């Protein structure tokens, strides 16, 4: 299963839309958003892609009540979890959190196959040694909204556990 990982869209609808469109063209079957959507209505640009969206809030959380209402609508593909989330996709345990230091800590537990974060707008993929003697991948897609950094997202393959930082294509 291929996934699109984004964070820190900060209401930049065109860039969020472009990233998800590019990821879907590459085979993405779901979107993980690691926070700082800001206005919940920003996610409306993703409806046309018809992909499930797993989203948490960040420190620029906007209207959390509206985010929960959007996720609660019948037929909504938006799954809103609050400040963090533990989900399972393609038999992989994935933890979503906004803050990198929290992501590092969760990776060390060895309870997760993948930990995704955002916040600092610095795209990065690295392994963290965990308490079970293995390692856990930490993925930070940077800022899909291009805030104080290039607009980036991560394309991931959960079967192969391979992840790549990509620039958001802009016209």
N, C-alpha and C. Protein backbone atom coordinates (compact mmCIF):
# COMPACT_ATOMS: atom_id res chain seq x y z
N UNK A 1 0.84 -1.18 0.00
CA UNK A 1 0.00 0.00 0.00
C UNK A 1 0.89 1.24 0.00
N UNK A 2 0.59 2.15 -0.90
CA UNK A 2 1.32 3.41 -0.98
C UNK A 2 0.52 4.50 -0.29
N UNK A 3 1.25 5.39 0.39
CA UNK A 3 0.61 6.47 1.13
C UNK A 3 1.28 7.80 0.84
N UNK A 4 0.51 8.85 1.00
CA UNK A 4 0.99 10.23 0.91
C UNK A 4 1.05 10.78 2.32
N UNK A 5 2.21 11.28 2.73
CA UNK A 5 2.37 11.86 4.06
C UNK A 5 2.63 13.34 3.91
N UNK A 6 1.79 14.16 4.56
CA UNK A 6 1.92 15.61 4.50
C UNK A 6 1.86 16.18 5.91
N UNK A 7 2.25 17.42 6.03
CA UNK A 7 2.12 18.14 7.29
C UNK A 7 2.18 19.63 7.01
N UNK A 8 1.73 20.41 7.95
CA UNK A 8 1.89 21.86 7.93
C UNK A 8 1.42 22.49 6.62
N UNK A 9 0.16 22.21 6.28
CA UNK A 9 -0.40 22.82 5.07
C UNK A 9 -0.76 24.28 5.30
N UNK A 10 -1.03 24.68 6.52
CA UNK A 10 -1.28 26.08 6.87
C UNK A 10 -2.21 26.77 5.87
N UNK A 11 -3.29 26.09 5.54
CA UNK A 11 -4.34 26.63 4.66
C UNK A 11 -3.92 26.85 3.20
N UNK A 12 -2.78 26.32 2.79
CA UNK A 12 -2.38 26.47 1.39
C UNK A 12 -3.05 25.35 0.58
N UNK A 13 -4.26 25.63 0.17
CA UNK A 13 -5.07 24.64 -0.55
C UNK A 13 -4.45 24.20 -1.87
N UNK A 14 -3.94 25.13 -2.69
CA UNK A 14 -3.38 24.69 -3.98
C UNK A 14 -2.21 23.72 -3.82
N UNK A 15 -1.32 23.97 -2.85
CA UNK A 15 -0.17 23.08 -2.67
C UNK A 15 -0.59 21.74 -2.07
N UNK A 16 -1.52 21.75 -1.12
CA UNK A 16 -2.02 20.50 -0.56
C UNK A 16 -2.67 19.67 -1.65
N UNK A 17 -3.50 20.30 -2.45
CA UNK A 17 -4.17 19.63 -3.56
C UNK A 17 -3.15 19.05 -4.55
N UNK A 18 -2.13 19.84 -4.89
CA UNK A 18 -1.12 19.40 -5.86
C UNK A 18 -0.33 18.20 -5.32
N UNK A 19 0.00 18.23 -4.03
CA UNK A 19 0.76 17.12 -3.44
C UNK A 19 -0.05 15.83 -3.48
N UNK A 20 -1.32 15.91 -3.08
CA UNK A 20 -2.15 14.71 -3.05
C UNK A 20 -2.44 14.22 -4.47
N UNK A 21 -2.64 15.12 -5.40
CA UNK A 21 -2.86 14.73 -6.80
C UNK A 21 -1.63 13.99 -7.33
N UNK A 22 -0.45 14.51 -7.03
CA UNK A 22 0.79 13.87 -7.48
C UNK A 22 0.94 12.49 -6.83
N UNK A 23 0.67 12.42 -5.53
CA UNK A 23 0.79 11.14 -4.82
C UNK A 23 -0.21 10.12 -5.34
N UNK A 24 -1.43 10.57 -5.62
CA UNK A 24 -2.44 9.63 -6.14
C UNK A 24 -2.00 9.11 -7.51
N UNK A 25 -1.43 9.99 -8.32
CA UNK A 25 -0.94 9.57 -9.64
C UNK A 25 0.19 8.54 -9.50
N UNK A 26 0.88 8.56 -8.38
CA UNK A 26 1.96 7.60 -8.10
C UNK A 26 1.45 6.36 -7.37
N UNK A 27 0.14 6.31 -7.14
CA UNK A 27 -0.46 5.11 -6.55
C UNK A 27 -0.88 5.21 -5.10
N UNK A 28 -0.84 6.39 -4.50
CA UNK A 28 -1.24 6.53 -3.09
C UNK A 28 -2.69 6.12 -2.89
N UNK A 29 -2.92 5.40 -1.79
CA UNK A 29 -4.26 4.94 -1.44
C UNK A 29 -4.80 5.59 -0.17
N UNK A 30 -3.98 6.40 0.49
CA UNK A 30 -4.40 7.10 1.70
C UNK A 30 -3.49 8.30 1.92
N UNK A 31 -3.99 9.26 2.69
CA UNK A 31 -3.24 10.46 3.04
C UNK A 31 -3.12 10.52 4.56
N UNK A 32 -1.91 10.76 5.04
CA UNK A 32 -1.66 11.00 6.46
C UNK A 32 -1.25 12.46 6.60
N UNK A 33 -1.96 13.21 7.44
CA UNK A 33 -1.65 14.63 7.64
C UNK A 33 -1.24 14.82 9.09
N UNK A 34 -0.01 15.27 9.30
CA UNK A 34 0.58 15.36 10.64
C UNK A 34 0.37 16.70 11.32
N UNK A 35 -0.68 17.39 10.99
CA UNK A 35 -1.06 18.57 11.75
C UNK A 35 -0.76 19.90 11.08
N UNK A 36 -1.35 20.94 11.68
CA UNK A 36 -1.33 22.31 11.18
C UNK A 36 -2.04 22.45 9.84
N UNK A 37 -3.23 21.85 9.79
CA UNK A 37 -4.14 22.10 8.67
C UNK A 37 -4.57 23.56 8.77
N UNK A 38 -4.85 24.02 9.96
CA UNK A 38 -5.38 25.31 10.39
C UNK A 38 -6.89 25.30 10.17
N UNK A 39 -7.43 25.87 9.10
CA UNK A 39 -8.88 25.85 8.88
C UNK A 39 -9.30 24.48 8.38
N UNK A 40 -10.24 23.89 9.07
CA UNK A 40 -10.71 22.55 8.70
C UNK A 40 -11.18 22.49 7.25
N UNK A 41 -11.74 23.58 6.76
CA UNK A 41 -12.25 23.61 5.39
C UNK A 41 -11.15 23.42 4.35
N UNK A 42 -9.89 23.60 4.75
CA UNK A 42 -8.77 23.36 3.83
C UNK A 42 -8.79 21.94 3.28
N UNK A 43 -9.24 21.00 4.10
CA UNK A 43 -9.28 19.61 3.67
C UNK A 43 -10.28 19.35 2.55
N UNK A 44 -11.19 20.30 2.32
CA UNK A 44 -12.20 20.10 1.28
C UNK A 44 -11.60 19.93 -0.10
N UNK A 45 -10.39 20.45 -0.34
CA UNK A 45 -9.75 20.29 -1.65
C UNK A 45 -9.39 18.83 -1.92
N UNK A 46 -9.39 18.01 -0.88
CA UNK A 46 -9.01 16.61 -1.06
C UNK A 46 -10.19 15.71 -1.43
N UNK A 47 -11.40 16.22 -1.31
CA UNK A 47 -12.59 15.39 -1.59
C UNK A 47 -12.53 14.76 -2.97
N UNK A 48 -12.11 15.51 -3.97
CA UNK A 48 -12.11 15.01 -5.34
C UNK A 48 -11.15 13.84 -5.56
N UNK A 49 -10.16 13.68 -4.67
CA UNK A 49 -9.19 12.60 -4.81
C UNK A 49 -9.72 11.28 -4.27
N UNK A 50 -10.78 11.34 -3.49
CA UNK A 50 -11.47 10.15 -2.96
C UNK A 50 -10.53 9.19 -2.25
N UNK A 51 -9.64 9.74 -1.44
CA UNK A 51 -8.72 8.94 -0.63
C UNK A 51 -9.04 9.15 0.85
N UNK A 52 -8.93 8.11 1.67
CA UNK A 52 -9.09 8.33 3.10
C UNK A 52 -7.97 9.24 3.61
N UNK A 53 -8.35 10.17 4.48
CA UNK A 53 -7.41 11.13 5.06
C UNK A 53 -7.39 10.90 6.57
N UNK A 54 -6.20 10.66 7.10
CA UNK A 54 -6.01 10.49 8.54
C UNK A 54 -5.28 11.74 9.02
N UNK A 55 -5.92 12.52 9.89
CA UNK A 55 -5.38 13.83 10.25
C UNK A 55 -5.42 14.05 11.76
N UNK A 56 -4.40 14.73 12.24
CA UNK A 56 -4.34 15.19 13.62
C UNK A 56 -4.21 16.70 13.60
N UNK A 57 -4.38 17.33 14.76
CA UNK A 57 -4.14 18.77 14.78
C UNK A 57 -2.71 19.03 15.21
N UNK A 58 -2.26 20.24 15.07
CA UNK A 58 -0.92 20.62 15.48
C UNK A 58 -1.01 21.77 16.46
N UNK A 59 -0.02 22.64 16.44
CA UNK A 59 -0.07 23.80 17.33
C UNK A 59 -0.84 24.96 16.70
N UNK A 60 -1.04 24.95 15.39
CA UNK A 60 -1.91 25.90 14.70
C UNK A 60 -3.16 25.13 14.29
N UNK A 61 -4.00 24.86 15.27
CA UNK A 61 -5.06 23.88 15.08
C UNK A 61 -6.35 24.43 14.50
N UNK A 62 -6.53 25.73 14.47
CA UNK A 62 -7.77 26.26 13.92
C UNK A 62 -8.98 25.80 14.69
N UNK A 63 -10.04 25.48 13.99
CA UNK A 63 -11.33 25.12 14.59
C UNK A 63 -11.43 23.60 14.75
N UNK A 64 -11.07 23.11 15.92
CA UNK A 64 -11.09 21.66 16.17
C UNK A 64 -12.50 21.11 16.16
N UNK A 65 -13.45 21.91 16.60
CA UNK A 65 -14.85 21.47 16.58
C UNK A 65 -15.28 21.19 15.14
N UNK A 66 -14.94 22.09 14.23
CA UNK A 66 -15.32 21.91 12.82
C UNK A 66 -14.59 20.72 12.21
N UNK A 67 -13.33 20.51 12.62
CA UNK A 67 -12.59 19.35 12.11
C UNK A 67 -13.33 18.06 12.50
N UNK A 68 -13.77 18.00 13.73
CA UNK A 68 -14.52 16.82 14.19
C UNK A 68 -15.85 16.70 13.46
N UNK A 69 -16.50 17.80 13.18
CA UNK A 69 -17.78 17.76 12.43
C UNK A 69 -17.57 17.26 11.01
N UNK A 70 -16.51 17.73 10.35
CA UNK A 70 -16.23 17.29 8.98
C UNK A 70 -15.97 15.78 8.98
N UNK A 71 -15.18 15.32 9.93
CA UNK A 71 -14.87 13.88 10.02
C UNK A 71 -16.11 13.06 10.34
N UNK A 72 -17.06 13.64 11.07
CA UNK A 72 -18.25 12.91 11.49
C UNK A 72 -19.38 12.88 10.48
N UNK A 73 -19.23 13.59 9.38
CA UNK A 73 -20.29 13.60 8.36
C UNK A 73 -20.42 12.22 7.72
N UNK A 74 -21.64 11.81 7.43
CA UNK A 74 -21.82 10.51 6.76
C UNK A 74 -21.05 10.46 5.45
N UNK A 75 -20.30 9.40 5.25
CA UNK A 75 -19.54 9.22 4.02
C UNK A 75 -18.23 9.98 3.97
N UNK A 76 -17.90 10.71 5.03
CA UNK A 76 -16.65 11.47 5.04
C UNK A 76 -15.44 10.53 4.98
N UNK A 77 -14.46 10.90 4.20
CA UNK A 77 -13.21 10.15 4.13
C UNK A 77 -12.17 10.69 5.10
N UNK A 78 -12.55 11.75 5.85
CA UNK A 78 -11.64 12.36 6.82
C UNK A 78 -11.78 11.65 8.16
N UNK A 79 -10.65 11.22 8.69
CA UNK A 79 -10.58 10.61 10.02
C UNK A 79 -9.77 11.55 10.88
N UNK A 80 -10.40 12.21 11.85
CA UNK A 80 -9.72 13.18 12.72
C UNK A 80 -9.55 12.56 14.10
N UNK A 81 -8.32 12.56 14.59
CA UNK A 81 -8.00 11.86 15.83
C UNK A 81 -7.71 12.76 17.02
N UNK A 82 -7.45 14.02 16.83
CA UNK A 82 -7.05 14.89 17.94
C UNK A 82 -5.56 15.17 17.87
N UNK A 83 -4.89 15.18 19.03
CA UNK A 83 -3.48 15.59 19.05
C UNK A 83 -2.51 14.53 18.54
N UNK A 84 -2.90 13.26 18.56
CA UNK A 84 -2.04 12.22 18.02
C UNK A 84 -2.91 11.02 17.66
N UNK A 85 -2.32 10.04 16.99
CA UNK A 85 -3.11 8.88 16.56
C UNK A 85 -2.23 7.66 16.38
N UNK A 86 -2.74 6.55 16.80
CA UNK A 86 -2.14 5.27 16.49
C UNK A 86 -3.09 4.55 15.55
N UNK A 87 -2.66 4.30 14.32
CA UNK A 87 -3.52 3.67 13.33
C UNK A 87 -2.81 2.45 12.74
N UNK A 88 -3.57 1.63 12.04
CA UNK A 88 -2.98 0.50 11.34
C UNK A 88 -3.42 0.56 9.89
N UNK A 89 -2.44 0.51 9.00
CA UNK A 89 -2.68 0.45 7.56
C UNK A 89 -1.78 -0.63 6.99
N UNK A 90 -2.33 -1.48 6.16
CA UNK A 90 -1.55 -2.52 5.48
C UNK A 90 -0.71 -3.33 6.48
N UNK A 91 -1.32 -3.65 7.59
CA UNK A 91 -0.69 -4.41 8.67
C UNK A 91 0.54 -3.72 9.26
N UNK A 92 0.62 -2.41 9.13
CA UNK A 92 1.70 -1.62 9.72
C UNK A 92 1.10 -0.73 10.80
N UNK A 93 1.79 -0.69 11.94
CA UNK A 93 1.38 0.18 13.04
C UNK A 93 2.04 1.54 12.83
N UNK A 94 1.20 2.57 12.75
CA UNK A 94 1.68 3.91 12.42
C UNK A 94 1.22 4.88 13.50
N UNK A 95 2.15 5.70 13.97
CA UNK A 95 1.82 6.72 14.96
C UNK A 95 1.99 8.09 14.32
N UNK A 96 0.97 8.93 14.44
CA UNK A 96 1.00 10.30 13.92
C UNK A 96 1.04 11.27 15.09
N UNK A 97 1.95 12.21 15.02
CA UNK A 97 2.07 13.24 16.04
C UNK A 97 2.65 14.48 15.35
N UNK A 98 2.39 15.64 15.89
CA UNK A 98 2.89 16.85 15.24
C UNK A 98 4.35 17.14 15.57
N UNK A 99 4.75 16.91 16.79
CA UNK A 99 6.05 17.36 17.26
C UNK A 99 7.17 16.33 17.07
N UNK A 100 8.31 16.75 16.48
CA UNK A 100 9.42 15.81 16.24
C UNK A 100 9.98 15.17 17.52
N UNK A 101 10.07 15.91 18.62
CA UNK A 101 10.62 15.31 19.84
C UNK A 101 9.71 14.22 20.38
N UNK A 102 8.42 14.40 20.23
CA UNK A 102 7.43 13.39 20.63
C UNK A 102 7.55 12.18 19.70
N UNK A 103 7.77 12.43 18.41
CA UNK A 103 7.93 11.34 17.44
C UNK A 103 9.16 10.49 17.78
N UNK A 104 10.26 11.15 18.10
CA UNK A 104 11.48 10.43 18.47
C UNK A 104 11.23 9.53 19.67
N UNK A 105 10.54 10.06 20.66
CA UNK A 105 10.25 9.28 21.87
C UNK A 105 9.36 8.08 21.56
N UNK A 106 8.34 8.29 20.75
CA UNK A 106 7.45 7.18 20.39
C UNK A 106 8.17 6.12 19.57
N UNK A 107 9.10 6.54 18.73
CA UNK A 107 9.87 5.59 17.93
C UNK A 107 10.73 4.69 18.82
N UNK A 108 11.26 5.21 19.91
CA UNK A 108 12.13 4.41 20.77
C UNK A 108 11.39 3.29 21.47
N UNK A 109 10.05 3.37 21.56
CA UNK A 109 9.29 2.33 22.25
C UNK A 109 9.28 1.00 21.51
N UNK A 110 9.47 1.06 20.19
CA UNK A 110 9.41 -0.16 19.38
C UNK A 110 8.00 -0.65 19.16
N UNK A 111 7.01 0.12 19.58
CA UNK A 111 5.61 -0.28 19.42
C UNK A 111 5.06 0.05 18.03
N UNK A 112 5.82 0.79 17.25
CA UNK A 112 5.33 1.28 15.96
C UNK A 112 6.29 0.91 14.84
N UNK A 113 5.73 0.65 13.66
CA UNK A 113 6.55 0.39 12.48
C UNK A 113 7.00 1.70 11.84
N UNK A 114 6.20 2.74 12.05
CA UNK A 114 6.44 4.04 11.43
C UNK A 114 5.88 5.12 12.34
N UNK A 115 6.65 6.18 12.52
CA UNK A 115 6.18 7.34 13.27
C UNK A 115 6.31 8.55 12.35
N UNK A 116 5.23 9.30 12.21
CA UNK A 116 5.21 10.47 11.32
C UNK A 116 4.96 11.73 12.13
N UNK A 117 5.66 12.81 11.76
CA UNK A 117 5.53 14.07 12.48
C UNK A 117 5.66 15.24 11.52
N UNK A 118 5.66 16.44 12.06
CA UNK A 118 5.79 17.65 11.27
C UNK A 118 6.40 18.76 12.12
N UNK A 119 5.75 19.90 12.14
CA UNK A 119 6.02 21.05 13.00
C UNK A 119 7.21 21.91 12.59
N UNK A 120 8.39 21.34 12.39
CA UNK A 120 9.57 22.18 12.17
C UNK A 120 9.81 22.50 10.69
N UNK A 121 8.95 21.99 9.81
CA UNK A 121 9.00 22.26 8.37
C UNK A 121 10.30 21.77 7.74
N UNK A 122 10.95 20.78 8.36
CA UNK A 122 12.20 20.22 7.85
C UNK A 122 11.96 18.78 7.42
N UNK A 123 11.91 18.55 6.13
CA UNK A 123 11.68 17.20 5.61
C UNK A 123 12.86 16.30 5.98
N UNK A 124 12.54 15.12 6.52
CA UNK A 124 13.58 14.21 6.98
C UNK A 124 13.02 12.81 7.15
N UNK A 125 13.84 11.83 6.84
CA UNK A 125 13.50 10.42 7.06
C UNK A 125 14.71 9.77 7.71
N UNK A 126 14.51 9.20 8.88
CA UNK A 126 15.63 8.54 9.55
C UNK A 126 15.12 7.43 10.47
N UNK A 127 16.02 6.52 10.80
CA UNK A 127 15.69 5.42 11.70
C UNK A 127 16.15 5.76 13.11
N UNK A 128 15.35 5.34 14.08
CA UNK A 128 15.66 5.54 15.50
C UNK A 128 15.76 4.17 16.14
N UNK A 129 16.82 3.93 16.89
CA UNK A 129 16.95 2.66 17.60
C UNK A 129 15.86 2.58 18.66
N UNK A 130 15.25 1.38 18.77
CA UNK A 130 14.20 1.23 19.76
C UNK A 130 14.62 0.25 20.86
N UNK A 131 13.81 0.16 21.90
CA UNK A 131 14.16 -0.64 23.08
C UNK A 131 14.14 -2.14 22.81
N UNK A 132 13.62 -2.56 21.69
CA UNK A 132 13.57 -3.98 21.35
C UNK A 132 14.80 -4.42 20.54
N UNK A 133 15.74 -3.50 20.35
CA UNK A 133 16.96 -3.84 19.62
C UNK A 133 16.86 -3.61 18.12
N UNK A 134 15.72 -3.16 17.67
CA UNK A 134 15.54 -2.87 16.25
C UNK A 134 15.57 -1.37 16.01
N UNK A 135 14.91 -0.96 14.95
CA UNK A 135 14.81 0.47 14.67
C UNK A 135 13.43 0.78 14.12
N UNK A 136 13.03 2.01 14.29
CA UNK A 136 11.73 2.50 13.82
C UNK A 136 11.97 3.71 12.95
N UNK A 137 11.31 3.77 11.81
CA UNK A 137 11.43 4.92 10.92
C UNK A 137 10.64 6.11 11.45
N UNK A 138 11.26 7.27 11.39
CA UNK A 138 10.59 8.53 11.69
C UNK A 138 10.58 9.34 10.40
N UNK A 139 9.38 9.74 9.99
CA UNK A 139 9.21 10.47 8.74
C UNK A 139 8.61 11.84 9.03
N UNK A 140 9.30 12.88 8.59
CA UNK A 140 8.79 14.25 8.66
C UNK A 140 8.72 14.75 7.23
N UNK A 141 7.51 14.98 6.70
CA UNK A 141 7.39 15.39 5.30
C UNK A 141 7.71 16.85 5.04
N UNK A 142 8.06 17.60 6.07
CA UNK A 142 8.29 19.03 5.88
C UNK A 142 6.97 19.77 5.81
N UNK A 143 6.95 20.89 5.13
CA UNK A 143 5.73 21.71 5.02
C UNK A 143 5.15 21.61 3.61
N UNK A 144 4.01 20.93 3.50
CA UNK A 144 3.34 20.84 2.20
C UNK A 144 2.85 22.23 1.77
N UNK A 145 2.66 23.12 2.74
CA UNK A 145 2.23 24.48 2.44
C UNK A 145 3.36 25.41 2.05
N UNK A 146 4.59 24.92 2.09
CA UNK A 146 5.73 25.74 1.69
C UNK A 146 6.00 26.89 2.63
N UNK A 147 5.72 26.72 3.92
CA UNK A 147 5.92 27.78 4.89
C UNK A 147 7.38 27.80 5.34
N UNK A 148 8.11 28.86 4.99
CA UNK A 148 9.51 29.05 5.36
C UNK A 148 10.40 27.88 4.94
N UNK A 149 9.97 27.14 3.95
CA UNK A 149 10.71 25.98 3.46
C UNK A 149 10.10 25.59 2.11
N UNK A 150 10.82 24.82 1.31
CA UNK A 150 10.22 24.34 0.07
C UNK A 150 8.99 23.48 0.36
N UNK A 151 8.02 23.50 -0.51
CA UNK A 151 6.81 22.68 -0.36
C UNK A 151 7.16 21.23 -0.69
N UNK A 152 7.04 20.35 0.32
CA UNK A 152 7.40 18.95 0.14
C UNK A 152 6.33 18.04 0.75
N UNK A 153 6.39 16.79 0.33
CA UNK A 153 5.59 15.74 0.94
C UNK A 153 6.39 14.45 0.84
N UNK A 154 5.90 13.40 1.48
CA UNK A 154 6.58 12.10 1.42
C UNK A 154 5.66 11.08 0.79
N UNK A 155 6.20 10.35 -0.16
CA UNK A 155 5.51 9.21 -0.76
C UNK A 155 6.08 7.98 -0.09
N UNK A 156 5.20 7.12 0.42
CA UNK A 156 5.66 5.95 1.13
C UNK A 156 5.04 4.66 0.60
N UNK A 157 5.80 3.59 0.72
CA UNK A 157 5.34 2.26 0.35
C UNK A 157 5.39 1.42 1.62
N UNK A 158 4.22 1.09 2.18
CA UNK A 158 4.16 0.36 3.45
C UNK A 158 4.56 -1.10 3.31
N UNK A 159 4.44 -1.66 2.13
CA UNK A 159 4.86 -3.04 1.95
C UNK A 159 6.39 -3.14 2.01
N UNK A 160 7.05 -2.25 1.31
CA UNK A 160 8.51 -2.27 1.26
C UNK A 160 9.15 -1.44 2.38
N UNK A 161 8.34 -0.62 3.05
CA UNK A 161 8.82 0.33 4.06
C UNK A 161 9.90 1.24 3.45
N UNK A 162 9.55 1.79 2.28
CA UNK A 162 10.42 2.73 1.58
C UNK A 162 9.69 4.06 1.48
N UNK A 163 10.42 5.14 1.73
CA UNK A 163 9.84 6.47 1.77
C UNK A 163 10.75 7.45 1.05
N UNK A 164 10.12 8.41 0.36
CA UNK A 164 10.89 9.37 -0.43
C UNK A 164 10.30 10.77 -0.26
N UNK A 165 11.16 11.73 0.00
CA UNK A 165 10.75 13.13 0.09
C UNK A 165 10.66 13.66 -1.33
N UNK A 166 9.52 14.26 -1.65
CA UNK A 166 9.29 14.81 -2.99
C UNK A 166 8.89 16.28 -2.90
N UNK A 167 9.30 17.04 -3.89
CA UNK A 167 8.83 18.42 -4.00
C UNK A 167 7.40 18.41 -4.50
N UNK A 168 6.59 19.32 -4.00
CA UNK A 168 5.22 19.45 -4.50
C UNK A 168 5.31 20.07 -5.88
N UNK A 169 4.74 19.42 -6.89
CA UNK A 169 4.79 20.00 -8.24
C UNK A 169 3.91 21.23 -8.33
N UNK A 170 4.48 22.30 -8.81
CA UNK A 170 3.74 23.56 -8.98
C UNK A 170 3.80 23.98 -10.42
N UNK A 171 2.67 24.50 -10.92
CA UNK A 171 2.61 24.95 -12.31
C UNK A 171 3.29 26.31 -12.46
